[in-house]
C-alpha atoms as a PDB file:
ATOM      1  CA  MET A   1      53.741  43.404 -13.038  1.00  0.00           C
ATOM      2  CA  ALA A   2      56.136  40.962 -12.145  1.00  0.00           C
ATOM      3  CA  PHE A   3      53.605  39.194 -10.209  1.00  0.00           C
ATOM      4  CA  ARG A   4      51.363  38.878 -12.989  1.00  0.00           C
ATOM      5  CA  CYS A   5      54.203  37.625 -15.359  1.00  0.00           C
ATOM      6  CA  ARG A   6      55.146  34.906 -12.688  1.00  0.00           C
ATOM      7  CA  ALA A   7      51.437  33.923 -12.248  1.00  0.00           C
ATOM      8  CA  ALA A   8      50.897  33.798 -15.871  1.00  0.00           C
ATOM      9  CA  TRP A   9      53.886  31.546 -16.507  1.00  0.00           C
ATOM     10  CA  ALA A  10      52.974  29.479 -13.589  1.00  0.00           C
ATOM     11  CA  LEU A  11      49.437  28.996 -14.930  1.00  0.00           C
ATOM     12  CA  LEU A  12      50.940  28.284 -18.425  1.00  0.00           C
ATOM     13  CA  GLY A  13      53.154  25.656 -16.901  1.00  0.00           C
ATOM     14  CA  TRP A  14      50.280  23.886 -14.919  1.00  0.00           C
ATOM     15  CA  VAL A  15      48.313  23.908 -18.088  1.00  0.00           C
ATOM     16  CA  LEU A  16      51.222  22.375 -20.257  1.00  0.00           C
ATOM     17  CA  LEU A  17      51.923  19.909 -17.440  1.00  0.00           C
ATOM     18  CA  PHE A  18      48.422  18.817 -17.181  1.00  0.00           C
ATOM     19  CA  HIS A  19      47.910  18.641 -20.940  1.00  0.00           C
ATOM     20  CA  GLY A  20      51.203  16.719 -21.299  1.00  0.00           C
ATOM     21  CA  ALA A  21      49.960  14.313 -18.728  1.00  0.00           C
ATOM     22  CA  ALA A  22      46.830  13.802 -20.336  1.00  0.00           C
ATOM     23  CA  GLU A  23      48.498  13.186 -23.849  1.00  0.00           C
ATOM     24  CA  ALA A  24      51.010  10.936 -22.278  1.00  0.00           C
ATOM     25  CA  GLU A  25      49.877   7.531 -23.421  1.00  0.00           C
ATOM     26  CA  PRO A  26      50.824   4.216 -21.650  1.00  0.00           C
ATOM     27  CA  PRO A  27      53.412   2.104 -23.653  1.00  0.00           C
ATOM     28  CA  GLY A  28      51.658   0.420 -26.634  1.00  0.00           C
ATOM     29  CA  GLN A  29      52.187  -3.154 -27.778  1.00  0.00           C
ATOM     30  CA  ILE A  30      52.787  -4.598 -31.212  1.00  0.00           C
ATOM     31  CA  TYR A  31      52.747  -8.188 -31.921  1.00  0.00           C
ATOM     32  CA  ARG A  32      55.075 -10.479 -34.085  1.00  0.00           C
ATOM     33  CA  CYS A  33      52.643 -12.934 -35.794  1.00  0.00           C
ATOM     34  CA  ARG A  34      53.455 -16.137 -37.621  1.00  0.00           C
ATOM     35  CA  ALA A  35      51.084 -17.015 -40.185  1.00  0.00           C
ATOM     36  CA  TYR A  36      49.982 -20.727 -40.596  1.00  0.00           C
ATOM     37  CA  GLY A  37      51.780 -20.732 -44.052  1.00  0.00           C
ATOM     38  CA  GLY A  38      54.975 -19.898 -42.214  1.00  0.00           C
ATOM     39  CA  GLY A  39      55.238 -16.041 -42.977  1.00  0.00           C
ATOM     40  CA  GLN A  40      56.000 -13.519 -40.195  1.00  0.00           C
ATOM     41  CA  PHE A  41      54.773 -10.056 -39.742  1.00  0.00           C
ATOM     42  CA  TRP A  42      54.223  -7.374 -37.185  1.00  0.00           C
ATOM     43  CA  SER A  43      50.773  -6.147 -36.293  1.00  0.00           C
ATOM     44  CA  SER A  44      49.258  -3.464 -33.979  1.00  0.00           C
ATOM     45  CA  GLU A  45      46.163  -5.775 -33.632  1.00  0.00           C
ATOM     46  CA  HIS A  46      46.081  -9.069 -32.089  1.00  0.00           C
ATOM     47  CA  CYS A  47      47.469 -11.867 -34.327  1.00  0.00           C
ATOM     48  CA  GLN A  48      44.210 -13.811 -34.030  1.00  0.00           C
ATOM     49  CA  GLN A  49      42.456 -11.190 -35.873  1.00  0.00           C
ATOM     50  CA  HIS A  50      44.734 -11.851 -38.973  1.00  0.00           C
ATOM     51  CA  GLY A  51      44.376 -15.693 -38.510  1.00  0.00           C
ATOM     52  CA  ALA A  52      47.803 -16.176 -37.391  1.00  0.00           C
ATOM     53  CA  LEU A  53      49.745 -17.187 -34.081  1.00  0.00           C
ATOM     54  CA  ILE A  54      51.575 -14.900 -31.633  1.00  0.00           C
ATOM     55  CA  GLU A  55      55.265 -15.272 -31.891  1.00  0.00           C
ATOM     56  CA  ARG A  56      56.332 -12.374 -29.668  1.00  0.00           C
ATOM     57  CA  ILE A  57      54.651  -9.290 -28.023  1.00  0.00           C
ATOM     58  CA  GLU A  58      56.860  -6.103 -27.810  1.00  0.00           C
ATOM     59  CA  SER A  59      56.306  -3.011 -25.580  1.00  0.00           C
ATOM     60  CA  VAL A  60      56.806   0.124 -27.688  1.00  0.00           C
ATOM     61  CA  PRO A  61      56.342   3.874 -27.071  1.00  0.00           C
ATOM     62  CA  ALA A  62      52.863   5.121 -28.052  1.00  0.00           C
ATOM     63  CA  GLY A  63      52.369   8.075 -30.206  1.00  0.00           C
ATOM     64  CA  MET A  64      54.803   7.146 -33.105  1.00  0.00           C
ATOM     65  CA  SER A  65      54.234   5.683 -36.498  1.00  0.00           C
ATOM     66  CA  PHE A  66      53.811   1.948 -36.813  1.00  0.00           C
ATOM     67  CA  GLU A  67      56.946   1.522 -38.875  1.00  0.00           C
ATOM     68  CA  ARG A  68      58.969   3.293 -36.098  1.00  0.00           C
ATOM     69  CA  GLN A  69      57.297   1.155 -33.486  1.00  0.00           C
ATOM     70  CA  VAL A  70      58.501  -1.896 -35.478  1.00  0.00           C
ATOM     71  CA  LYS A  71      62.061  -0.502 -35.695  1.00  0.00           C
ATOM     72  CA  VAL A  72      62.095  -0.072 -31.804  1.00  0.00           C
ATOM     73  CA  ALA A  73      60.616  -3.641 -31.302  1.00  0.00           C
ATOM     74  CA  GLU A  74      63.221  -5.203 -33.651  1.00  0.00           C
ATOM     75  CA  GLN A  75      66.053  -3.358 -31.925  1.00  0.00           C
ATOM     76  CA  GLY A  76      64.765  -4.723 -28.567  1.00  0.00           C
ATOM     77  CA  ALA A  77      64.560  -8.165 -29.891  1.00  0.00           C
ATOM     78  CA  GLY A  78      68.224  -7.795 -31.117  1.00  0.00           C
ATOM     79  CA  ARG A  79      69.342  -6.884 -27.849  1.00  0.00           C
ATOM     80  CA  ALA A  80      67.442  -9.776 -26.193  1.00  0.00           C
ATOM     81  CA  ALA A  81      68.755 -12.166 -28.953  1.00  0.00           C
ATOM     82  CA  LYS A  82      72.414 -10.961 -27.982  1.00  0.00           C
ATOM     83  CA  ALA A  83      71.615 -11.578 -24.345  1.00  0.00           C
ATOM     84  CA  VAL A  84      70.441 -15.074 -25.122  1.00  0.00           C
ATOM     85  CA  VAL A  85      73.400 -15.837 -27.414  1.00  0.00           C
ATOM     86  CA  ALA A  86      75.684 -14.585 -24.425  1.00  0.00           C
ATOM     87  CA  GLY A  87      73.945 -16.770 -22.154  1.00  0.00           C
ATOM     88  CA  ASP A  88      74.168 -19.611 -24.618  1.00  0.00           C
ATOM     89  CA  SER A  89      77.777 -19.029 -25.102  1.00  0.00           C
ATOM     90  CA  ARG A  90      78.416 -19.328 -21.383  1.00  0.00           C
ATOM     91  CA  ARG A  91      76.347 -22.482 -21.270  1.00  0.00           C
ATOM     92  CA  SER A  92      78.265 -23.867 -24.578  1.00  0.00           C
ATOM     93  CA  GLU A  93      81.626 -22.987 -22.880  1.00  0.00           C
ATOM     94  CA  GLN A  94      80.533 -25.132 -19.881  1.00  0.00           C
ATOM     95  CA  ALA A  95      79.368 -27.889 -22.156  1.00  0.00           C
ATOM     96  CA  VAL A  96      82.770 -27.824 -23.936  1.00  0.00           C
ATOM     97  CA  ILE A  97      84.519 -28.001 -20.621  1.00  0.00           C
ATOM     98  CA  GLU A  98      82.300 -30.938 -19.467  1.00  0.00           C
ATOM     99  CA  ARG A  99      82.793 -32.793 -22.821  1.00  0.00           C
ATOM    100  CA  GLU A 100      86.512 -32.279 -22.388  1.00  0.00           C
ATOM    101  CA  ALA A 101      86.573 -33.535 -18.865  1.00  0.00           C
ATOM    102  CA  LYS A 102      84.538 -36.686 -19.933  1.00  0.00           C
ATOM    103  CA  ALA A 103      86.918 -37.299 -22.833  1.00  0.00           C
ATOM    104  CA  GLN A 104      89.929 -37.018 -20.596  1.00  0.00           C
ATOM    105  CA  ALA A 105      88.282 -39.424 -18.193  1.00  0.00           C
ATOM    106  CA  ARG A 106      87.489 -41.971 -21.044  1.00  0.00           C
ATOM    107  CA  GLU A 107      91.083 -41.721 -22.369  1.00  0.00           C
ATOM    108  CA  GLN A 108      92.558 -42.195 -18.823  1.00  0.00           C
ATOM    109  CA  ALA A 109      90.300 -45.320 -18.504  1.00  0.00           C
ATOM    110  CA  ARG A 110      91.480 -46.563 -21.963  1.00  0.00           C
ATOM    111  CA  GLN A 111      95.206 -46.021 -20.861  1.00  0.00           C
ATOM    112  CA  GLN A 112      94.617 -47.892 -17.618  1.00  0.00           C
ATOM    113  CA  ALA A 113      92.910 -50.660 -19.597  1.00  0.00           C
ATOM    114  CA  ARG A 114      95.966 -50.848 -21.942  1.00  0.00           C
ATOM    115  CA  CYS A 115      98.350 -50.822 -19.035  1.00  0.00           C
ATOM    116  CA  ALA A 116      96.560 -53.706 -17.483  1.00  0.00           C
ATOM    117  CA  LYS A 117      96.328 -55.566 -20.611  1.00  0.00           C
ATOM    118  CA  TRP A 118     100.129 -55.275 -20.972  1.00  0.00           C
ATOM    119  CA  GLN A 119     100.836 -56.140 -17.510  1.00  0.00           C
ATOM    120  CA  ALA A 120      98.768 -59.400 -17.715  1.00  0.00           C
ATOM    121  CA  GLU A 121     100.280 -60.513 -20.978  1.00  0.00           C
ATOM    122  CA  LEU A 122     103.818 -59.728 -19.449  1.00  0.00           C
ATOM    123  CA  GLU A 123     102.888 -61.920 -16.463  1.00  0.00           C
ATOM    124  CA  ARG A 124     101.577 -64.699 -18.623  1.00  0.00           C
ATOM    125  CA  GLN A 125     104.875 -64.652 -20.516  1.00  0.00           C
ATOM    126  CA  GLN A 126     106.842 -64.662 -17.454  1.00  0.00           C
ATOM    127  CA  SER A 127     105.015 -67.870 -16.434  1.00  0.00           C
ATOM    128  CA  PHE A 128     105.813 -69.465 -19.612  1.00  0.00           C
ATOM    129  CA  SER A 129     109.514 -68.498 -19.195  1.00  0.00           C
ATOM    130  CA  ARG A 130     109.484 -70.628 -16.118  1.00  0.00           C
ATOM    131  CA  GLN A 131     108.501 -73.660 -17.876  1.00  0.00           C
ATOM    132  CA  LYS A 132     111.080 -76.056 -19.418  1.00  0.00           C
ATOM    133  CA  LEU A 133     111.302 -74.952 -22.982  1.00  0.00           C
ATOM    134  CA  THR A 134     113.882 -74.942 -25.885  1.00  0.00           C
ATOM    135  CA  ALA A 135     116.464 -72.073 -26.069  1.00  0.00           C
ATOM    136  CA  ARG A 136     114.689 -70.669 -29.080  1.00  0.00           C
ATOM    137  CA  ARG A 137     111.461 -70.631 -27.434  1.00  0.00           C
ATOM    138  CA  GLN A 138     112.992 -69.023 -24.347  1.00  0.00           C
ATOM    139  CA  GLU A 139     114.670 -66.158 -26.475  1.00  0.00           C
ATOM    140  CA  PHE A 140     111.250 -65.626 -28.138  1.00  0.00           C
ATOM    141  CA  ILE A 141     109.544 -65.149 -24.813  1.00  0.00           C
ATOM    142  CA  ARG A 142     112.473 -62.862 -23.594  1.00  0.00           C
ATOM    143  CA  ASN A 143     112.060 -60.621 -26.696  1.00  0.00           C
ATOM    144  CA  LYS A 144     108.150 -60.450 -26.393  1.00  0.00           C
ATOM    145  CA  GLN A 145     108.658 -59.565 -22.618  1.00  0.00           C
ATOM    146  CA  GLN A 146     111.095 -56.682 -23.663  1.00  0.00           C
ATOM    147  CA  ALA A 147     108.806 -55.519 -26.372  1.00  0.00           C
ATOM    148  CA  LEU A 148     105.957 -55.542 -23.706  1.00  0.00           C
ATOM    149  CA  ARG A 149     108.011 -53.525 -21.313  1.00  0.00           C
ATOM    150  CA  GLN A 150     108.917 -51.083 -23.894  1.00  0.00           C
ATOM    151  CA  GLN A 151     105.255 -50.573 -24.894  1.00  0.00           C
ATOM    152  CA  ARG A 152     104.391 -50.012 -21.190  1.00  0.00           C
ATOM    153  CA  GLU A 153     107.191 -47.490 -20.667  1.00  0.00           C
ATOM    154  CA  GLN A 154     106.348 -45.522 -23.881  1.00  0.00           C
ATOM    155  CA  ALA A 155     102.642 -45.329 -22.765  1.00  0.00           C
ATOM    156  CA  GLY A 156     103.542 -44.137 -19.213  1.00  0.00           C
ATOM    157  CA  CYS A 157     102.437 -47.170 -17.444  1.00  0.00           C
ATOM    158  CA  ARG A 158     103.995 -47.792 -13.886  1.00  0.00           C
END
């Protein structure tokens, strides 16, 4: 009797397994379509049959209602969008770092140009001071040189 029960259960198991395998459908596909007028919709048929363009194709489990397949597809699209946003944020962080580095390089170049300009003006004023000038003009040049030195010092020029 025990042998018959086991055999019956085994036979029943094989039948269910075979029947389940026969009913197991490959994953289905649904299409995200874009109408020429600009609207978007999901379809289980190719978008071309509706006179629209394919925006996206999603693989969904077969054997469930179309509404459920749409929900599954939208959830998958949400995860994909989050992954894209995460990738974009990494790229945007890199872009911010590059922009900051370029801005810093430009600022350093401006600073060097200002320092060079002040140094050239200081040298020009020194050459004037060696000439034979009135005491008033000599004092004016000395004050101008002092102001240029202060500007250079405040700006951090060497």
